[in-house]
Amino acid sequence: MIRFSSGASRELEADFRRYERQLEGRGHRFLAAIDVALARIVTAPLTFPFVRAPHVRSAKVALFPYRVVFLVAGDDIHVLAVAHGRRPPGTNAWTSPRW
């Protein structure tokens, strides 16, 4: 099961809205790319590289400068962030001490 942190959900929703404001339909293409990344994660979660040892991994989102940052806990995938690759360090939810 895929579970989103509240921060990851907020990031995803805000970025979707921003892309839709830029060009109608772009936000939906962004969500479709996120869905493809999530499907890849579910298929083989342990194949993705660590971004923060020992448990936090990330998957590149095709066609957009984003990564899905997650950890695996049993059969669950916990999405910690939908991180924009060009945001300054420390501004993504996965760097927050809340998790």
N, C-alpha and C. Protein backbone atom coordinates (compact mmCIF):
# COMPACT_ATOMS: atom_id res chain seq x y z
N MET A 1 0.84 -1.17 0.00
CA MET A 1 0.00 0.00 0.00
C MET A 1 0.89 1.24 0.00
N ILE A 2 0.49 2.24 -0.73
CA ILE A 2 1.22 3.50 -0.77
C ILE A 2 0.55 4.48 0.19
N ARG A 3 1.36 5.06 1.06
CA ARG A 3 0.86 6.05 2.02
C ARG A 3 1.66 7.33 1.84
N PHE A 4 0.96 8.44 1.72
CA PHE A 4 1.60 9.75 1.57
C PHE A 4 1.63 10.46 2.91
N SER A 5 2.77 11.06 3.22
CA SER A 5 2.83 11.94 4.39
C SER A 5 1.99 13.17 4.07
N SER A 6 1.57 13.88 5.10
CA SER A 6 0.78 15.08 4.84
C SER A 6 1.58 16.11 4.04
N GLY A 7 2.88 16.20 4.31
CA GLY A 7 3.72 17.13 3.56
C GLY A 7 3.82 16.75 2.09
N ALA A 8 3.96 15.47 1.81
CA ALA A 8 4.03 15.01 0.42
C ALA A 8 2.72 15.28 -0.30
N SER A 9 1.61 15.06 0.37
CA SER A 9 0.30 15.33 -0.23
C SER A 9 0.14 16.80 -0.57
N ARG A 10 0.55 17.66 0.37
CA ARG A 10 0.47 19.11 0.12
C ARG A 10 1.36 19.53 -1.04
N GLU A 11 2.58 19.00 -1.08
CA GLU A 11 3.51 19.31 -2.18
C GLU A 11 2.91 18.91 -3.52
N LEU A 12 2.39 17.70 -3.57
CA LEU A 12 1.83 17.18 -4.82
C LEU A 12 0.66 18.03 -5.28
N GLU A 13 -0.23 18.36 -4.37
CA GLU A 13 -1.39 19.18 -4.73
C GLU A 13 -0.97 20.58 -5.19
N ALA A 14 -0.04 21.20 -4.48
CA ALA A 14 0.41 22.54 -4.85
C ALA A 14 1.10 22.54 -6.21
N ASP A 15 1.92 21.54 -6.46
CA ASP A 15 2.62 21.49 -7.75
C ASP A 15 1.66 21.19 -8.89
N PHE A 16 0.66 20.34 -8.64
CA PHE A 16 -0.37 20.09 -9.64
C PHE A 16 -1.07 21.40 -10.01
N ARG A 17 -1.49 22.15 -9.00
CA ARG A 17 -2.19 23.42 -9.26
C ARG A 17 -1.30 24.40 -10.02
N ARG A 18 -0.02 24.46 -9.65
CA ARG A 18 0.90 25.37 -10.33
C ARG A 18 1.04 25.00 -11.80
N TYR A 19 1.20 23.71 -12.09
CA TYR A 19 1.31 23.28 -13.49
C TYR A 19 0.02 23.56 -14.25
N GLU A 20 -1.13 23.37 -13.63
CA GLU A 20 -2.40 23.63 -14.31
C GLU A 20 -2.57 25.11 -14.60
N ARG A 21 -2.10 25.97 -13.69
CA ARG A 21 -2.17 27.42 -13.94
C ARG A 21 -1.28 27.81 -15.12
N GLN A 22 -0.13 27.14 -15.24
CA GLN A 22 0.78 27.45 -16.35
C GLN A 22 0.16 27.09 -17.69
N LEU A 23 -0.42 25.90 -17.76
CA LEU A 23 -0.99 25.41 -19.01
C LEU A 23 -2.00 24.32 -18.69
N GLU A 24 -3.22 24.52 -19.10
CA GLU A 24 -4.27 23.52 -18.82
C GLU A 24 -3.85 22.16 -19.36
N GLY A 25 -3.96 21.16 -18.51
CA GLY A 25 -3.58 19.79 -18.87
C GLY A 25 -2.20 19.40 -18.40
N ARG A 26 -1.32 20.38 -18.17
CA ARG A 26 0.04 20.06 -17.72
C ARG A 26 0.03 19.43 -16.33
N GLY A 27 -0.85 19.89 -15.46
CA GLY A 27 -0.96 19.31 -14.13
C GLY A 27 -1.37 17.85 -14.19
N HIS A 28 -2.27 17.53 -15.12
CA HIS A 28 -2.70 16.14 -15.27
C HIS A 28 -1.57 15.27 -15.83
N ARG A 29 -0.76 15.83 -16.71
CA ARG A 29 0.41 15.09 -17.21
C ARG A 29 1.42 14.86 -16.09
N PHE A 30 1.55 15.85 -15.22
CA PHE A 30 2.43 15.72 -14.06
C PHE A 30 1.95 14.58 -13.16
N LEU A 31 0.65 14.54 -12.86
CA LEU A 31 0.11 13.47 -12.02
C LEU A 31 0.27 12.11 -12.68
N ALA A 32 0.11 12.05 -14.00
CA ALA A 32 0.30 10.78 -14.72
C ALA A 32 1.76 10.32 -14.59
N ALA A 33 2.71 11.25 -14.67
CA ALA A 33 4.12 10.90 -14.51
C ALA A 33 4.41 10.42 -13.09
N ILE A 34 3.77 11.03 -12.11
CA ILE A 34 3.91 10.59 -10.71
C ILE A 34 3.36 9.17 -10.57
N ASP A 35 2.21 8.91 -11.19
CA ASP A 35 1.62 7.56 -11.14
C ASP A 35 2.56 6.51 -11.73
N VAL A 36 3.23 6.85 -12.82
CA VAL A 36 4.18 5.90 -13.43
C VAL A 36 5.33 5.63 -12.47
N ALA A 37 5.85 6.68 -11.84
CA ALA A 37 6.94 6.51 -10.88
C ALA A 37 6.48 5.65 -9.70
N LEU A 38 5.27 5.87 -9.22
CA LEU A 38 4.76 5.08 -8.10
C LEU A 38 4.58 3.62 -8.50
N ALA A 39 4.15 3.37 -9.72
CA ALA A 39 4.00 1.98 -10.20
C ALA A 39 5.36 1.29 -10.25
N ARG A 40 6.39 2.03 -10.68
CA ARG A 40 7.74 1.46 -10.70
C ARG A 40 8.21 1.15 -9.29
N ILE A 41 7.91 2.05 -8.36
CA ILE A 41 8.31 1.85 -6.97
C ILE A 41 7.64 0.61 -6.40
N VAL A 42 6.34 0.48 -6.61
CA VAL A 42 5.60 -0.67 -6.08
C VAL A 42 6.15 -1.98 -6.64
N THR A 43 6.52 -1.96 -7.92
CA THR A 43 7.02 -3.18 -8.57
C THR A 43 8.35 -3.65 -7.98
N ALA A 44 9.24 -2.71 -7.70
CA ALA A 44 10.58 -3.10 -7.21
C ALA A 44 11.16 -2.01 -6.31
N PRO A 45 10.59 -1.82 -5.13
CA PRO A 45 10.99 -0.69 -4.28
C PRO A 45 12.45 -0.72 -3.83
N LEU A 46 13.02 -1.89 -3.67
CA LEU A 46 14.39 -1.97 -3.15
C LEU A 46 15.46 -1.74 -4.21
N THR A 47 15.06 -1.50 -5.44
CA THR A 47 16.03 -1.24 -6.50
C THR A 47 16.39 0.23 -6.63
N PHE A 48 15.69 1.10 -5.94
CA PHE A 48 15.95 2.53 -6.06
C PHE A 48 17.06 2.96 -5.10
N PRO A 49 17.83 3.96 -5.50
CA PRO A 49 18.98 4.37 -4.68
C PRO A 49 18.57 5.06 -3.38
N PHE A 50 19.43 4.92 -2.40
CA PHE A 50 19.24 5.63 -1.14
C PHE A 50 19.61 7.10 -1.34
N VAL A 51 18.81 7.98 -0.75
CA VAL A 51 19.17 9.40 -0.72
C VAL A 51 19.53 9.82 0.69
N ARG A 52 19.12 9.02 1.63
CA ARG A 52 19.49 9.25 3.02
C ARG A 52 19.54 7.89 3.68
N ALA A 53 20.74 7.45 3.99
CA ALA A 53 20.92 6.13 4.58
C ALA A 53 20.28 6.10 5.96
N PRO A 54 19.79 4.99 6.41
CA PRO A 54 19.83 3.72 5.71
C PRO A 54 18.53 3.34 5.00
N HIS A 55 17.49 4.18 5.07
CA HIS A 55 16.19 3.71 4.59
C HIS A 55 15.51 4.56 3.53
N VAL A 56 15.86 5.79 3.37
CA VAL A 56 15.12 6.68 2.48
C VAL A 56 15.66 6.57 1.05
N ARG A 57 14.77 6.29 0.13
CA ARG A 57 15.12 6.09 -1.28
C ARG A 57 14.39 7.13 -2.14
N SER A 58 14.78 7.21 -3.41
CA SER A 58 14.07 8.12 -4.30
C SER A 58 14.00 7.54 -5.71
N ALA A 59 12.95 7.96 -6.41
CA ALA A 59 12.72 7.56 -7.80
C ALA A 59 12.51 8.80 -8.64
N LYS A 60 13.18 8.87 -9.76
CA LYS A 60 13.04 9.99 -10.69
C LYS A 60 11.67 9.93 -11.35
N VAL A 61 11.08 11.10 -11.54
CA VAL A 61 9.81 11.23 -12.25
C VAL A 61 10.14 11.63 -13.69
N ALA A 62 9.69 10.84 -14.64
CA ALA A 62 9.98 11.12 -16.05
C ALA A 62 9.32 12.42 -16.50
N LEU A 63 10.05 13.16 -17.32
CA LEU A 63 9.57 14.38 -17.99
C LEU A 63 9.40 15.60 -17.07
N PHE A 64 9.60 15.44 -15.78
CA PHE A 64 9.47 16.54 -14.84
C PHE A 64 10.67 16.51 -13.89
N PRO A 65 11.10 17.68 -13.39
CA PRO A 65 12.29 17.71 -12.51
C PRO A 65 11.95 17.36 -11.06
N TYR A 66 11.37 16.20 -10.86
CA TYR A 66 10.92 15.77 -9.54
C TYR A 66 11.45 14.38 -9.22
N ARG A 67 11.45 14.09 -7.92
CA ARG A 67 11.76 12.76 -7.42
C ARG A 67 10.69 12.42 -6.38
N VAL A 68 10.31 11.15 -6.34
CA VAL A 68 9.45 10.66 -5.28
C VAL A 68 10.39 10.09 -4.22
N VAL A 69 10.34 10.67 -3.04
CA VAL A 69 11.22 10.26 -1.93
C VAL A 69 10.38 9.40 -1.00
N PHE A 70 10.88 8.20 -0.70
CA PHE A 70 10.06 7.23 0.02
C PHE A 70 10.90 6.31 0.88
N LEU A 71 10.21 5.60 1.75
CA LEU A 71 10.85 4.50 2.48
C LEU A 71 9.91 3.31 2.45
N VAL A 72 10.51 2.14 2.60
CA VAL A 72 9.77 0.88 2.57
C VAL A 72 9.66 0.38 4.00
N ALA A 73 8.42 0.05 4.39
CA ALA A 73 8.17 -0.51 5.72
C ALA A 73 7.27 -1.72 5.55
N GLY A 74 7.87 -2.88 5.53
CA GLY A 74 7.10 -4.10 5.27
C GLY A 74 6.56 -4.08 3.86
N ASP A 75 5.26 -4.20 3.73
CA ASP A 75 4.62 -4.15 2.41
C ASP A 75 4.18 -2.75 2.04
N ASP A 76 4.42 -1.78 2.90
CA ASP A 76 3.98 -0.41 2.65
C ASP A 76 5.10 0.45 2.09
N ILE A 77 4.70 1.37 1.23
CA ILE A 77 5.59 2.41 0.71
C ILE A 77 5.13 3.72 1.34
N HIS A 78 6.00 4.39 2.06
CA HIS A 78 5.67 5.67 2.68
C HIS A 78 6.33 6.77 1.85
N VAL A 79 5.51 7.54 1.16
CA VAL A 79 6.02 8.66 0.36
C VAL A 79 6.22 9.83 1.30
N LEU A 80 7.47 10.27 1.41
CA LEU A 80 7.83 11.35 2.31
C LEU A 80 7.79 12.70 1.62
N ALA A 81 8.04 12.69 0.30
CA ALA A 81 8.05 13.95 -0.44
C ALA A 81 7.90 13.68 -1.92
N VAL A 82 7.34 14.66 -2.58
CA VAL A 82 7.39 14.75 -4.04
C VAL A 82 8.26 15.98 -4.25
N ALA A 83 9.57 15.73 -4.38
CA ALA A 83 10.57 16.78 -4.26
C ALA A 83 10.99 17.33 -5.63
N HIS A 84 10.90 18.63 -5.76
CA HIS A 84 11.36 19.31 -6.96
C HIS A 84 12.88 19.35 -6.93
N GLY A 85 13.50 18.96 -8.01
CA GLY A 85 14.96 18.87 -8.07
C GLY A 85 15.67 20.20 -8.03
N ARG A 86 14.96 21.29 -8.24
CA ARG A 86 15.62 22.60 -8.26
C ARG A 86 15.28 23.47 -7.06
N ARG A 87 14.58 22.91 -6.09
CA ARG A 87 14.31 23.66 -4.87
C ARG A 87 15.55 23.68 -4.01
N PRO A 88 15.76 24.75 -3.26
CA PRO A 88 16.92 24.79 -2.37
C PRO A 88 16.85 23.66 -1.34
N PRO A 89 18.01 23.12 -0.93
CA PRO A 89 18.01 22.08 0.10
C PRO A 89 17.30 22.56 1.36
N GLY A 90 16.60 21.65 1.99
CA GLY A 90 15.90 21.98 3.22
C GLY A 90 14.48 22.46 3.03
N THR A 91 14.01 22.59 1.80
CA THR A 91 12.66 23.07 1.57
C THR A 91 11.69 21.95 1.24
N ASN A 92 12.16 20.72 1.19
CA ASN A 92 11.29 19.58 0.90
C ASN A 92 10.85 18.92 2.20
N ALA A 93 9.66 18.33 2.20
CA ALA A 93 9.12 17.71 3.41
C ALA A 93 10.02 16.60 3.94
N TRP A 94 10.75 15.90 3.07
CA TRP A 94 11.54 14.75 3.55
C TRP A 94 12.75 15.16 4.36
N THR A 95 13.11 16.45 4.36
CA THR A 95 14.23 16.90 5.18
C THR A 95 13.75 17.34 6.56
N SER A 96 12.45 17.38 6.76
CA SER A 96 11.89 17.84 8.01
C SER A 96 12.06 16.79 9.11
N PRO A 97 12.33 17.18 10.33
CA PRO A 97 12.48 16.20 11.40
C PRO A 97 11.17 15.56 11.82
N ARG A 98 10.03 15.98 11.26
CA ARG A 98 8.73 15.40 11.64
C ARG A 98 8.64 13.93 11.32
N TRP A 99 9.37 13.45 10.35
CA TRP A 99 9.24 12.03 9.99
C TRP A 99 10.37 11.27 10.61
